[in-house]
Each structure stands twice: as C-alpha cells, then as structure tokens.
C-alpha atoms as a PDB file:
ATOM      1  CA  UNK A   1     152.864  73.146 225.254  1.00  0.00           C
ATOM      2  CA  UNK A   2     154.298  76.288 226.790  1.00  0.00           C
ATOM      3  CA  UNK A   3     158.063  76.630 227.077  1.00  0.00           C
ATOM      4  CA  UNK A   4     160.099  79.300 228.833  1.00  0.00           C
ATOM      5  CA  UNK A   5     163.862  79.250 228.333  1.00  0.00           C
ATOM      6  CA  UNK A   6     166.178  81.560 230.264  1.00  0.00           C
ATOM      7  CA  UNK A   7     169.638  82.560 229.099  1.00  0.00           C
ATOM      8  CA  UNK A   8     172.305  85.128 229.847  1.00  0.00           C
ATOM      9  CA  UNK A   9     173.428  84.064 233.299  1.00  0.00           C
ATOM     10  CA  UNK A  10     177.057  83.723 234.269  1.00  0.00           C
ATOM     11  CA  UNK A  11     179.842  84.823 236.573  1.00  0.00           C
ATOM     12  CA  UNK A  12     180.414  88.538 237.047  1.00  0.00           C
ATOM     13  CA  UNK A  13     182.320  90.699 239.491  1.00  0.00           C
ATOM     14  CA  UNK A  14     180.506  92.936 241.940  1.00  0.00           C
ATOM     15  CA  UNK A  15     179.474  96.147 240.229  1.00  0.00           C
ATOM     16  CA  UNK A  16     179.154  94.438 236.886  1.00  0.00           C
ATOM     17  CA  UNK A  17     176.186  93.859 234.624  1.00  0.00           C
ATOM     18  CA  UNK A  18     174.301  91.001 233.012  1.00  0.00           C
ATOM     19  CA  UNK A  19     171.250  90.817 230.787  1.00  0.00           C
ATOM     20  CA  UNK A  20     168.958  87.851 231.204  1.00  0.00           C
ATOM     21  CA  UNK A  21     166.539  86.793 228.494  1.00  0.00           C
ATOM     22  CA  UNK A  22     163.535  84.496 228.649  1.00  0.00           C
ATOM     23  CA  UNK A  23     162.312  83.260 225.305  1.00  0.00           C
ATOM     24  CA  UNK A  24     158.825  81.790 225.309  1.00  0.00           C
ATOM     25  CA  UNK A  25     156.761  79.631 223.004  1.00  0.00           C
ATOM     26  CA  UNK A  26     153.339  78.076 223.229  1.00  0.00           C
ATOM     27  CA  UNK A  27     151.909  81.095 225.055  1.00  0.00           C
ATOM     28  CA  UNK A  28     149.882  83.999 223.789  1.00  0.00           C
ATOM     29  CA  UNK A  29     152.798  86.014 225.110  1.00  0.00           C
ATOM     30  CA  UNK A  30     151.324  89.468 224.589  1.00  0.00           C
ATOM     31  CA  UNK A  31     148.490  88.669 227.010  1.00  0.00           C
ATOM     32  CA  UNK A  32     150.650  87.255 229.808  1.00  0.00           C
ATOM     33  CA  UNK A  33     152.047  88.774 232.960  1.00  0.00           C
ATOM     34  CA  UNK A  34     155.740  87.903 233.100  1.00  0.00           C
ATOM     35  CA  UNK A  35     157.839  87.763 236.218  1.00  0.00           C
ATOM     36  CA  UNK A  36     161.409  87.151 237.301  1.00  0.00           C
ATOM     37  CA  UNK A  37     162.148  85.293 240.513  1.00  0.00           C
ATOM     38  CA  UNK A  38     165.369  84.070 242.084  1.00  0.00           C
ATOM     39  CA  UNK A  39     166.408  81.382 244.500  1.00  0.00           C
ATOM     40  CA  UNK A  40     169.665  81.269 246.415  1.00  0.00           C
ATOM     41  CA  UNK A  41     170.940  78.052 248.024  1.00  0.00           C
ATOM     42  CA  UNK A  42     169.014  77.258 251.187  1.00  0.00           C
ATOM     43  CA  UNK A  43     166.523  80.061 250.627  1.00  0.00           C
ATOM     44  CA  UNK A  44     162.997  80.308 249.322  1.00  0.00           C
ATOM     45  CA  UNK A  45     162.246  81.508 245.843  1.00  0.00           C
ATOM     46  CA  UNK A  46     161.796  85.285 245.940  1.00  0.00           C
ATOM     47  CA  UNK A  47     160.194  87.863 243.713  1.00  0.00           C
ATOM     48  CA  UNK A  48     162.435  90.127 241.657  1.00  0.00           C
ATOM     49  CA  UNK A  49     160.242  91.923 239.106  1.00  0.00           C
ATOM     50  CA  UNK A  50     157.005  91.659 237.145  1.00  0.00           C
ATOM     51  CA  UNK A  51     155.687  93.298 234.006  1.00  0.00           C
ATOM     52  CA  UNK A  52     152.174  93.505 232.617  1.00  0.00           C
ATOM     53  CA  UNK A  53     151.198  92.458 229.085  1.00  0.00           C
ATOM     54  CA  UNK A  54     151.789  95.867 227.510  1.00  0.00           C
ATOM     55  CA  UNK A  55     154.768  96.803 229.655  1.00  0.00           C
ATOM     56  CA  UNK A  56     152.973  99.709 231.282  1.00  0.00           C
ATOM     57  CA  UNK A  57     152.629  98.079 234.701  1.00  0.00           C
ATOM     58  CA  UNK A  58     155.981  97.161 236.263  1.00  0.00           C
ATOM     59  CA  UNK A  59     156.796  96.160 239.822  1.00  0.00           C
ATOM     60  CA  UNK A  60     160.112  95.493 241.561  1.00  0.00           C
ATOM     61  CA  UNK A  61     161.289  94.042 244.811  1.00  0.00           C
ATOM     62  CA  UNK A  62     162.728  96.768 247.030  1.00  0.00           C
ATOM     63  CA  UNK A  63     166.096  95.033 247.044  1.00  0.00           C
ATOM     64  CA  UNK A  64     166.568  95.497 243.290  1.00  0.00           C
ATOM     65  CA  UNK A  65     164.958  98.870 242.608  1.00  0.00           C
ATOM     66  CA  UNK A  66     167.255 101.172 240.688  1.00  0.00           C
ATOM     67  CA  UNK A  67     169.614  98.358 239.692  1.00  0.00           C
ATOM     68  CA  UNK A  68     167.519  95.818 237.785  1.00  0.00           C
ATOM     69  CA  UNK A  69     165.156  96.621 234.913  1.00  0.00           C
ATOM     70  CA  UNK A  70     162.500  94.327 233.482  1.00  0.00           C
ATOM     71  CA  UNK A  71     161.299  94.777 229.908  1.00  0.00           C
ATOM     72  CA  UNK A  72     159.574  92.783 227.213  1.00  0.00           C
ATOM     73  CA  UNK A  73     159.388  92.522 223.444  1.00  0.00           C
ATOM     74  CA  UNK A  74     156.023  91.123 222.472  1.00  0.00           C
ATOM     75  CA  UNK A  75     157.106  90.762 218.838  1.00  0.00           C
ATOM     76  CA  UNK A  76     159.861  88.382 219.973  1.00  0.00           C
ATOM     77  CA  UNK A  77     157.877  86.666 222.760  1.00  0.00           C
ATOM     78  CA  UNK A  78     160.734  87.487 225.100  1.00  0.00           C
ATOM     79  CA  UNK A  79     161.120  89.124 228.492  1.00  0.00           C
ATOM     80  CA  UNK A  80     164.402  90.593 229.725  1.00  0.00           C
ATOM     81  CA  UNK A  81     166.065  91.473 232.989  1.00  0.00           C
ATOM     82  CA  UNK A  82     168.867  94.018 232.752  1.00  0.00           C
ATOM     83  CA  UNK A  83     171.005  93.700 235.863  1.00  0.00           C
ATOM     84  CA  UNK A  84     173.384  96.532 236.756  1.00  0.00           C
ATOM     85  CA  UNK A  85     175.490  97.289 239.827  1.00  0.00           C
ATOM     86  CA  UNK A  86     175.353  93.654 240.792  1.00  0.00           C
ATOM     87  CA  UNK A  87     176.112  92.612 244.357  1.00  0.00           C
ATOM     88  CA  UNK A  88     177.230  89.264 245.795  1.00  0.00           C
ATOM     89  CA  UNK A  89     173.804  88.936 247.403  1.00  0.00           C
ATOM     90  CA  UNK A  90     172.259  88.855 243.925  1.00  0.00           C
ATOM     91  CA  UNK A  91     173.819  85.420 243.442  1.00  0.00           C
ATOM     92  CA  UNK A  92     171.023  82.941 242.737  1.00  0.00           C
ATOM     93  CA  UNK A  93     169.299  80.913 240.076  1.00  0.00           C
ATOM     94  CA  UNK A  94     167.005  83.275 238.188  1.00  0.00           C
ATOM     95  CA  UNK A  95     163.689  82.019 236.836  1.00  0.00           C
ATOM     96  CA  UNK A  96     161.174  83.587 234.532  1.00  0.00           C
ATOM     97  CA  UNK A  97     157.496  82.859 234.998  1.00  0.00           C
ATOM     98  CA  UNK A  98     154.251  83.607 233.228  1.00  0.00           C
ATOM     99  CA  UNK A  99     150.632  83.955 234.209  1.00  0.00           C
ATOM    100  CA  UNK A 100     147.516  85.061 232.371  1.00  0.00           C
ATOM    101  CA  UNK A 101     145.950  87.450 234.833  1.00  0.00           C
ATOM    102  CA  UNK A 102     147.431  90.340 236.792  1.00  0.00           C
ATOM    103  CA  UNK A 103     146.558  90.230 240.459  1.00  0.00           C
ATOM    104  CA  UNK A 104     147.692  91.737 243.713  1.00  0.00           C
ATOM    105  CA  UNK A 105     149.645  88.508 244.226  1.00  0.00           C
ATOM    106  CA  UNK A 106     152.092  89.300 241.403  1.00  0.00           C
ATOM    107  CA  UNK A 107     155.007  88.773 243.809  1.00  0.00           C
ATOM    108  CA  UNK A 108     153.838  85.337 244.944  1.00  0.00           C
ATOM    109  CA  UNK A 109     155.447  82.522 242.927  1.00  0.00           C
ATOM    110  CA  UNK A 110     152.336  80.390 243.530  1.00  0.00           C
ATOM    111  CA  UNK A 111     150.447  82.836 241.325  1.00  0.00           C
ATOM    112  CA  UNK A 112     152.396  81.756 238.228  1.00  0.00           C
ATOM    113  CA  UNK A 113     151.532  78.694 236.226  1.00  0.00           C
ATOM    114  CA  UNK A 114     154.438  78.596 233.796  1.00  0.00           C
ATOM    115  CA  UNK A 115     158.126  78.477 234.645  1.00  0.00           C
ATOM    116  CA  UNK A 116     161.477  78.193 232.997  1.00  0.00           C
ATOM    117  CA  UNK A 117     164.290  76.008 234.287  1.00  0.00           C
ATOM    118  CA  UNK A 118     166.421  78.878 235.466  1.00  0.00           C
ATOM    119  CA  UNK A 119     169.813  80.402 234.755  1.00  0.00           C
ATOM    120  CA  UNK A 120     172.614  80.764 237.299  1.00  0.00           C
ATOM    121  CA  UNK A 121     173.906  84.211 238.183  1.00  0.00           C
ATOM    122  CA  UNK A 122     177.019  84.363 240.354  1.00  0.00           C
ATOM    123  CA  UNK A 123     178.427  87.662 241.567  1.00  0.00           C
ATOM    124  CA  UNK A 124     181.914  87.555 243.041  1.00  0.00           C
ATOM    125  CA  UNK A 125     183.149  90.074 245.595  1.00  0.00           C
END
C-alpha cells in the first residue's frame, strides 16, 4: 500500500525559509509524477509545483515562481519543496501527491491518486 509522509513544516517569519520533504513507500517512485499542493483555511486546494519522473519536467504556480523549488531524489524515494522568501499568504497545509502519468492536468488535484496527510506551514508577518 502506497504511503506518502510529509515533514518539515513549521512556523517561520516572513522572508524566512523552510524545506518540506515527502517520503514515499509502496510506489515505484522513479516512474511517478510528484506534486505539491496547499490548502489554506476556507480555500480550495491549490497547485504549487510538479516534477516529472526524471526531474527534467518541472512546473510551478505563478504565485511561487522564483521562491519555491521542487526537486526529487529517486534513490531515496523522496520529493522536496525548498521554500524561500516566504510570505504570510504562503500559510497553508502543504500536501504531496503522486500520479503515474504526466498529463496537461498536472495542476489539477483530481489528477493525483496518492496523497499524504499534509504538513502545516505558518508564515508570520
């Protein structure tokens, strides 16, 4: 059974940095598209970033370009999200997700079949 476990969230001041990790098991990780999504209170879950199986294809939401970086280590079955220059509006629960096939719907959470339970990121002003 597939498991995705996020870690690395916490409380940080605006302008600070955090690095999220998502450790996976039960997947053939090196063949999966991996994505990061976030959900703030009262809002829908939104796309943050996605990375293809080899790490060559990467996509970001416009709101995070230049500040957040997605990466993966296929030897460790782990995907990362380096978060720099954080803003209060980045406050949300961050989820990692996995799916077997890349599609044009990479930013749609309904395209992903596997999800972690999330990690809270809070950015204070």
